[in-house]
């Protein structure tokens, strides 16, 4: 599962964009792998201390971009091609 331990809210960009950039940087750096699970929206919002709608917005954008797969009742996973 992707760790958000090093995620720091900077107050400059909207938080949903910071979540998106954090995940994209992890993919580019190779620390986030294809098929790796993301925390649930509720868990991540509690971990970051943000509204669940903020996490939902970030996940929806990542899904639109094809970087994650989300299914009802299942965890979202990274979806990148090699």
Protein backbone atom coordinates (compact mmCIF):
# COMPACT_ATOMS: atom_id res chain seq x y z
CA UNK A 1 0.00 0.00 0.00
CA UNK A 2 1.22 3.49 -0.83
CA UNK A 3 2.58 5.32 2.20
CA UNK A 4 1.67 8.94 2.72
CA UNK A 5 4.05 9.33 5.69
CA UNK A 6 6.15 11.89 3.82
CA UNK A 7 3.14 13.88 2.55
CA UNK A 8 3.19 17.47 3.82
CA UNK A 9 0.42 19.95 3.10
CA UNK A 10 2.12 23.11 1.84
CA UNK A 11 -0.77 25.60 1.87
CA UNK A 12 0.04 26.90 -1.62
CA UNK A 13 -1.76 24.48 -3.94
CA UNK A 14 -5.20 23.01 -3.28
CA UNK A 15 -4.82 19.80 -1.28
CA UNK A 16 -6.44 17.62 -3.95
CA UNK A 17 -3.73 18.77 -6.41
CA UNK A 18 -1.04 18.04 -3.84
CA UNK A 19 -2.36 14.47 -3.48
CA UNK A 20 -2.32 14.04 -7.27
CA UNK A 21 1.22 15.41 -7.55
CA UNK A 22 2.42 13.22 -4.65
CA UNK A 23 1.17 10.09 -6.41
CA UNK A 24 2.52 11.16 -9.81
CA UNK A 25 5.94 11.93 -8.32
CA UNK A 26 5.95 8.49 -6.71
CA UNK A 27 5.19 6.87 -10.06
CA UNK A 28 7.97 8.85 -11.78
CA UNK A 29 10.45 8.07 -8.99
CA UNK A 30 9.55 4.39 -9.07
CA UNK A 31 8.44 4.30 -5.43
CA UNK A 32 4.83 3.72 -6.49
CA UNK A 33 4.39 0.56 -8.53
CA UNK A 34 1.71 -0.70 -10.88
CA UNK A 35 -1.00 -2.58 -8.98
CA UNK A 36 -0.11 -1.01 -5.65
CA UNK A 37 -3.11 -0.26 -3.47
CA UNK A 38 -4.09 3.19 -2.30
CA UNK A 39 -5.57 3.76 1.15
CA UNK A 40 -9.34 4.09 1.13
CA UNK A 41 -10.72 7.59 0.75
CA UNK A 42 -11.85 7.66 4.39
CA UNK A 43 -8.56 6.35 5.73
CA UNK A 44 -6.51 8.79 3.65
CA UNK A 45 -8.70 11.75 4.59
CA UNK A 46 -8.30 10.87 8.29
CA UNK A 47 -4.56 10.36 7.89
CA UNK A 48 -4.10 13.74 6.18
CA UNK A 49 -6.72 15.53 8.28
CA UNK A 50 -8.71 16.66 5.25
CA UNK A 51 -12.31 16.36 4.08
CA UNK A 52 -13.09 13.03 2.36
CA UNK A 53 -14.43 15.01 -0.62
CA UNK A 54 -10.90 16.38 -1.15
CA UNK A 55 -9.50 12.86 -1.46
CA UNK A 56 -12.46 11.83 -3.63
CA UNK A 57 -11.73 14.70 -6.03
CA UNK A 58 -8.05 13.71 -6.29
CA UNK A 59 -8.92 10.05 -6.89
CA UNK A 60 -11.56 10.97 -9.50
CA UNK A 61 -9.03 13.04 -11.46
CA UNK A 62 -6.40 10.29 -11.24
CA UNK A 63 -8.99 7.80 -12.48
CA UNK A 64 -9.97 10.09 -15.38
CA UNK A 65 -6.29 10.28 -16.31
CA UNK A 66 -6.08 6.49 -16.23
CA UNK A 67 -3.52 6.38 -13.41
CA UNK A 68 -5.73 4.52 -10.94
CA UNK A 69 -8.49 1.94 -11.16
CA UNK A 70 -11.37 2.16 -8.71
CA UNK A 71 -14.07 -0.44 -8.24
CA UNK A 72 -16.99 -0.39 -5.84
CA UNK A 73 -16.21 -2.43 -2.74
CA UNK A 74 -12.53 -2.76 -3.64
CA UNK A 75 -9.43 -0.70 -3.02
CA UNK A 76 -8.20 1.68 -5.68
CA UNK A 77 -4.97 0.57 -7.32
CA UNK A 78 -2.28 2.21 -9.43
CA UNK A 79 -2.76 1.51 -13.13
CA UNK A 80 0.34 2.38 -15.15
CA UNK A 81 1.67 0.74 -18.27
CA UNK A 82 5.28 -0.28 -18.47
